[in-house]
Amino acid sequence: MILQEGLGFQRLSHHEQQAYKILIKAFSSMQTSIDCTKIERSVDLMKVIQTVLGDNPAVIYFNKTQIQTEESILGKNIILTGVYSKQQAEKMNADLEKK
């Protein structure tokens, strides 16, 4: 799945754009957990996630209402729950591209 920066990306601050790039890379490889340690703490992760998904509606491999954050001494992770297997997601993307 090839994802790209869209109009929403241009409206983000510099730190939000850095977070966007980390998130888009994770979504492109269909990860179920996203390491946020390199994202500035002041960044509103939900805003950036919504922007990435708005720019890339083809991200369909997880239920967008099931996102959790996990914070520890080592940093913050985003956990995507309700995820399809990578094989199922690739099939869904192929079907979407056919249509």
N, C-alpha and C. Protein backbone atom coordinates (compact mmCIF):
# COMPACT_ATOMS: atom_id res chain seq x y z
N MET A 1 0.86 -1.16 0.00
CA MET A 1 0.00 0.00 0.00
C MET A 1 0.91 1.23 0.00
N ILE A 2 0.69 2.10 -0.95
CA ILE A 2 1.47 3.32 -1.05
C ILE A 2 0.63 4.48 -0.53
N LEU A 3 1.11 5.11 0.52
CA LEU A 3 0.42 6.26 1.09
C LEU A 3 1.24 7.50 0.80
N GLN A 4 0.58 8.63 0.77
CA GLN A 4 1.30 9.85 0.46
C GLN A 4 0.78 11.03 1.27
N GLU A 5 1.61 12.06 1.33
CA GLU A 5 1.23 13.27 2.03
C GLU A 5 0.17 14.00 1.21
N GLY A 6 -0.89 14.44 1.89
CA GLY A 6 -1.96 15.13 1.20
C GLY A 6 -2.08 16.57 1.67
N LEU A 7 -3.23 17.16 1.39
CA LEU A 7 -3.46 18.55 1.76
C LEU A 7 -3.42 18.77 3.27
N GLY A 8 -3.88 17.80 4.01
CA GLY A 8 -3.87 17.93 5.46
C GLY A 8 -2.47 18.10 6.00
N PHE A 9 -1.51 17.41 5.40
CA PHE A 9 -0.11 17.49 5.81
C PHE A 9 0.39 18.92 5.78
N GLN A 10 0.01 19.65 4.76
CA GLN A 10 0.49 21.02 4.58
C GLN A 10 -0.01 21.97 5.66
N ARG A 11 -1.09 21.61 6.32
CA ARG A 11 -1.67 22.47 7.36
C ARG A 11 -1.13 22.19 8.75
N LEU A 12 -0.24 21.22 8.87
CA LEU A 12 0.30 20.85 10.17
C LEU A 12 1.56 21.66 10.49
N SER A 13 1.85 21.77 11.77
CA SER A 13 3.09 22.43 12.20
C SER A 13 4.28 21.52 11.87
N HIS A 14 5.47 22.03 12.04
CA HIS A 14 6.68 21.26 11.74
C HIS A 14 6.73 19.95 12.54
N HIS A 15 6.48 20.03 13.85
CA HIS A 15 6.52 18.83 14.70
C HIS A 15 5.40 17.86 14.33
N GLU A 16 4.24 18.37 13.98
CA GLU A 16 3.14 17.51 13.55
C GLU A 16 3.47 16.83 12.23
N GLN A 17 4.15 17.52 11.33
CA GLN A 17 4.56 16.92 10.06
C GLN A 17 5.56 15.79 10.29
N GLN A 18 6.46 15.96 11.25
CA GLN A 18 7.39 14.88 11.58
C GLN A 18 6.64 13.66 12.09
N ALA A 19 5.64 13.89 12.95
CA ALA A 19 4.82 12.80 13.47
C ALA A 19 4.04 12.14 12.33
N TYR A 20 3.52 12.94 11.41
CA TYR A 20 2.76 12.45 10.25
C TYR A 20 3.63 11.47 9.47
N LYS A 21 4.89 11.83 9.23
CA LYS A 21 5.79 10.97 8.45
C LYS A 21 6.04 9.64 9.16
N ILE A 22 6.16 9.66 10.47
CA ILE A 22 6.33 8.42 11.23
C ILE A 22 5.08 7.56 11.13
N LEU A 23 3.92 8.20 11.28
CA LEU A 23 2.66 7.47 11.23
C LEU A 23 2.37 6.91 9.84
N ILE A 24 2.65 7.69 8.81
CA ILE A 24 2.35 7.22 7.45
C ILE A 24 3.25 6.02 7.09
N LYS A 25 4.47 6.03 7.60
CA LYS A 25 5.37 4.89 7.37
C LYS A 25 4.81 3.64 8.06
N ALA A 26 4.32 3.81 9.28
CA ALA A 26 3.74 2.69 10.03
C ALA A 26 2.48 2.15 9.35
N PHE A 27 1.60 3.07 8.92
CA PHE A 27 0.38 2.65 8.24
C PHE A 27 0.70 1.96 6.91
N SER A 28 1.72 2.44 6.20
CA SER A 28 2.09 1.85 4.92
C SER A 28 2.53 0.40 5.06
N SER A 29 3.17 0.09 6.19
CA SER A 29 3.63 -1.28 6.41
C SER A 29 2.66 -2.09 7.28
N MET A 30 1.48 -1.53 7.51
CA MET A 30 0.39 -2.19 8.24
C MET A 30 0.80 -2.66 9.63
N GLN A 31 1.50 -1.81 10.36
CA GLN A 31 1.91 -2.13 11.72
C GLN A 31 0.71 -2.10 12.66
N THR A 32 0.81 -2.84 13.74
CA THR A 32 -0.26 -2.84 14.74
C THR A 32 0.12 -2.03 15.98
N SER A 33 1.39 -1.64 16.05
CA SER A 33 1.89 -0.82 17.15
C SER A 33 2.86 0.20 16.56
N ILE A 34 2.73 1.44 16.99
CA ILE A 34 3.56 2.52 16.44
C ILE A 34 4.37 3.15 17.56
N ASP A 35 5.68 3.11 17.41
CA ASP A 35 6.60 3.71 18.39
C ASP A 35 6.59 5.22 18.21
N CYS A 36 6.24 5.93 19.26
CA CYS A 36 6.12 7.39 19.20
C CYS A 36 7.24 8.10 19.95
N THR A 37 8.31 7.39 20.28
CA THR A 37 9.38 8.01 21.06
C THR A 37 10.06 9.16 20.33
N LYS A 38 10.02 9.18 19.01
CA LYS A 38 10.66 10.25 18.24
C LYS A 38 9.70 11.39 17.92
N ILE A 39 8.50 11.31 18.46
CA ILE A 39 7.51 12.36 18.24
C ILE A 39 7.53 13.31 19.43
N GLU A 40 7.58 14.59 19.14
CA GLU A 40 7.58 15.64 20.17
C GLU A 40 6.37 15.43 21.08
N ARG A 41 6.59 15.50 22.38
CA ARG A 41 5.52 15.24 23.36
C ARG A 41 4.32 16.20 23.24
N SER A 42 4.55 17.40 22.74
CA SER A 42 3.47 18.39 22.64
C SER A 42 2.52 18.12 21.47
N VAL A 43 2.87 17.18 20.59
CA VAL A 43 2.06 16.90 19.41
C VAL A 43 0.77 16.16 19.81
N ASP A 44 -0.34 16.62 19.28
CA ASP A 44 -1.63 15.97 19.48
C ASP A 44 -1.71 14.78 18.51
N LEU A 45 -1.42 13.59 19.02
CA LEU A 45 -1.35 12.40 18.16
C LEU A 45 -2.67 12.10 17.45
N MET A 46 -3.78 12.30 18.14
CA MET A 46 -5.07 12.00 17.52
C MET A 46 -5.32 12.94 16.34
N LYS A 47 -4.93 14.18 16.46
CA LYS A 47 -5.08 15.14 15.35
C LYS A 47 -4.27 14.67 14.15
N VAL A 48 -3.04 14.23 14.40
CA VAL A 48 -2.16 13.80 13.31
C VAL A 48 -2.68 12.50 12.70
N ILE A 49 -3.15 11.58 13.52
CA ILE A 49 -3.72 10.33 13.00
C ILE A 49 -4.91 10.64 12.10
N GLN A 50 -5.79 11.51 12.56
CA GLN A 50 -6.96 11.88 11.76
C GLN A 50 -6.54 12.52 10.45
N THR A 51 -5.47 13.31 10.46
CA THR A 51 -4.99 13.94 9.24
C THR A 51 -4.43 12.91 8.28
N VAL A 52 -3.62 11.97 8.80
CA VAL A 52 -3.08 10.90 7.95
C VAL A 52 -4.22 10.11 7.32
N LEU A 53 -5.21 9.73 8.12
CA LEU A 53 -6.32 8.94 7.61
C LEU A 53 -7.20 9.74 6.65
N GLY A 54 -7.34 11.03 6.90
CA GLY A 54 -8.10 11.89 5.98
C GLY A 54 -7.41 12.01 4.64
N ASP A 55 -6.08 12.09 4.66
CA ASP A 55 -5.30 12.17 3.42
C ASP A 55 -5.21 10.83 2.70
N ASN A 56 -5.44 9.74 3.44
CA ASN A 56 -5.26 8.39 2.89
C ASN A 56 -6.42 7.48 3.28
N PRO A 57 -7.59 7.68 2.68
CA PRO A 57 -8.76 6.89 3.07
C PRO A 57 -8.63 5.40 2.76
N ALA A 58 -7.61 4.99 2.04
CA ALA A 58 -7.42 3.57 1.72
C ALA A 58 -6.88 2.77 2.90
N VAL A 59 -6.54 3.43 4.00
CA VAL A 59 -6.09 2.70 5.19
C VAL A 59 -7.31 2.05 5.82
N ILE A 60 -7.49 0.76 5.54
CA ILE A 60 -8.70 0.07 5.96
C ILE A 60 -8.43 -1.17 6.80
N TYR A 61 -7.18 -1.38 7.20
CA TYR A 61 -6.85 -2.63 7.86
C TYR A 61 -7.15 -2.68 9.34
N PHE A 62 -7.64 -1.60 9.92
CA PHE A 62 -8.01 -1.63 11.34
C PHE A 62 -9.24 -0.77 11.57
N ASN A 63 -9.90 -1.03 12.68
CA ASN A 63 -11.08 -0.26 13.07
C ASN A 63 -10.60 1.05 13.66
N LYS A 64 -10.86 2.14 12.97
CA LYS A 64 -10.33 3.45 13.36
C LYS A 64 -10.87 3.95 14.70
N THR A 65 -11.89 3.28 15.23
CA THR A 65 -12.42 3.68 16.54
C THR A 65 -11.71 2.95 17.67
N GLN A 66 -10.77 2.07 17.32
CA GLN A 66 -10.09 1.28 18.34
C GLN A 66 -8.59 1.59 18.36
N ILE A 67 -8.26 2.76 18.86
CA ILE A 67 -6.87 3.19 18.97
C ILE A 67 -6.59 3.45 20.45
N GLN A 68 -5.50 2.89 20.95
CA GLN A 68 -5.12 3.10 22.33
C GLN A 68 -3.71 3.66 22.39
N THR A 69 -3.41 4.40 23.43
CA THR A 69 -2.03 4.84 23.64
C THR A 69 -1.51 4.15 24.89
N GLU A 70 -0.23 3.88 24.86
CA GLU A 70 0.43 3.19 25.97
C GLU A 70 1.68 4.01 26.31
N GLU A 71 1.76 4.46 27.54
CA GLU A 71 2.88 5.31 27.93
C GLU A 71 3.69 4.64 29.03
N SER A 72 5.01 4.73 28.90
CA SER A 72 5.91 4.18 29.91
C SER A 72 7.11 5.11 30.04
N ILE A 73 8.03 4.73 30.87
CA ILE A 73 9.25 5.50 31.04
C ILE A 73 10.01 5.60 29.72
N LEU A 74 9.93 4.55 28.91
CA LEU A 74 10.66 4.50 27.65
C LEU A 74 10.01 5.33 26.55
N GLY A 75 8.76 5.71 26.71
CA GLY A 75 8.09 6.52 25.70
C GLY A 75 6.64 6.16 25.53
N LYS A 76 6.10 6.54 24.38
CA LYS A 76 4.69 6.35 24.10
C LYS A 76 4.53 5.50 22.84
N ASN A 77 3.55 4.60 22.87
CA ASN A 77 3.20 3.78 21.71
C ASN A 77 1.72 3.96 21.41
N ILE A 78 1.40 3.86 20.15
CA ILE A 78 0.00 3.81 19.73
C ILE A 78 -0.28 2.35 19.39
N ILE A 79 -1.33 1.81 19.97
CA ILE A 79 -1.72 0.44 19.72
C ILE A 79 -2.99 0.46 18.88
N LEU A 80 -2.94 -0.19 17.73
CA LEU A 80 -4.10 -0.27 16.85
C LEU A 80 -4.78 -1.60 17.12
N THR A 81 -5.96 -1.56 17.71
CA THR A 81 -6.69 -2.78 18.02
C THR A 81 -7.74 -3.01 16.95
N GLY A 82 -8.33 -4.17 16.92
CA GLY A 82 -9.32 -4.48 15.90
C GLY A 82 -8.68 -4.56 14.52
N VAL A 83 -7.45 -5.08 14.46
CA VAL A 83 -6.68 -5.11 13.21
C VAL A 83 -6.93 -6.41 12.45
N TYR A 84 -7.07 -6.28 11.13
CA TYR A 84 -7.12 -7.46 10.27
C TYR A 84 -5.71 -7.99 10.11
N SER A 85 -5.59 -9.26 9.75
CA SER A 85 -4.26 -9.79 9.47
C SER A 85 -3.72 -9.09 8.23
N LYS A 86 -2.40 -9.09 8.09
CA LYS A 86 -1.78 -8.41 6.94
C LYS A 86 -2.30 -9.01 5.64
N GLN A 87 -2.47 -10.33 5.60
CA GLN A 87 -2.98 -11.00 4.39
C GLN A 87 -4.40 -10.54 4.06
N GLN A 88 -5.26 -10.46 5.07
CA GLN A 88 -6.63 -9.98 4.86
C GLN A 88 -6.63 -8.53 4.38
N ALA A 89 -5.80 -7.72 5.00
CA ALA A 89 -5.72 -6.30 4.64
C ALA A 89 -5.23 -6.11 3.22
N GLU A 90 -4.23 -6.89 2.81
CA GLU A 90 -3.72 -6.79 1.44
C GLU A 90 -4.80 -7.18 0.44
N LYS A 91 -5.60 -8.21 0.78
CA LYS A 91 -6.70 -8.61 -0.10
C LYS A 91 -7.74 -7.50 -0.18
N MET A 92 -8.06 -6.89 0.97
CA MET A 92 -9.03 -5.80 0.98
C MET A 92 -8.54 -4.63 0.13
N ASN A 93 -7.25 -4.31 0.24
CA ASN A 93 -6.68 -3.23 -0.56
C ASN A 93 -6.70 -3.55 -2.04
N ALA A 94 -6.42 -4.81 -2.40
CA ALA A 94 -6.45 -5.22 -3.80
C ALA A 94 -7.87 -5.09 -4.34
N ASP A 95 -8.86 -5.54 -3.55
CA ASP A 95 -10.25 -5.41 -3.97
C ASP A 95 -10.65 -3.95 -4.15
N LEU A 96 -10.19 -3.10 -3.22
CA LEU A 96 -10.50 -1.67 -3.29
C LEU A 96 -9.89 -1.06 -4.56
N GLU A 97 -8.66 -1.42 -4.88
CA GLU A 97 -8.00 -0.88 -6.06
C GLU A 97 -8.67 -1.33 -7.36
N LYS A 98 -9.23 -2.57 -7.35
CA LYS A 98 -9.95 -3.05 -8.54
C LYS A 98 -11.17 -2.19 -8.83
N LYS A 99 -11.85 -1.81 -7.75
CA LYS A 99 -13.08 -1.02 -7.91
C LYS A 99 -12.74 0.40 -8.25
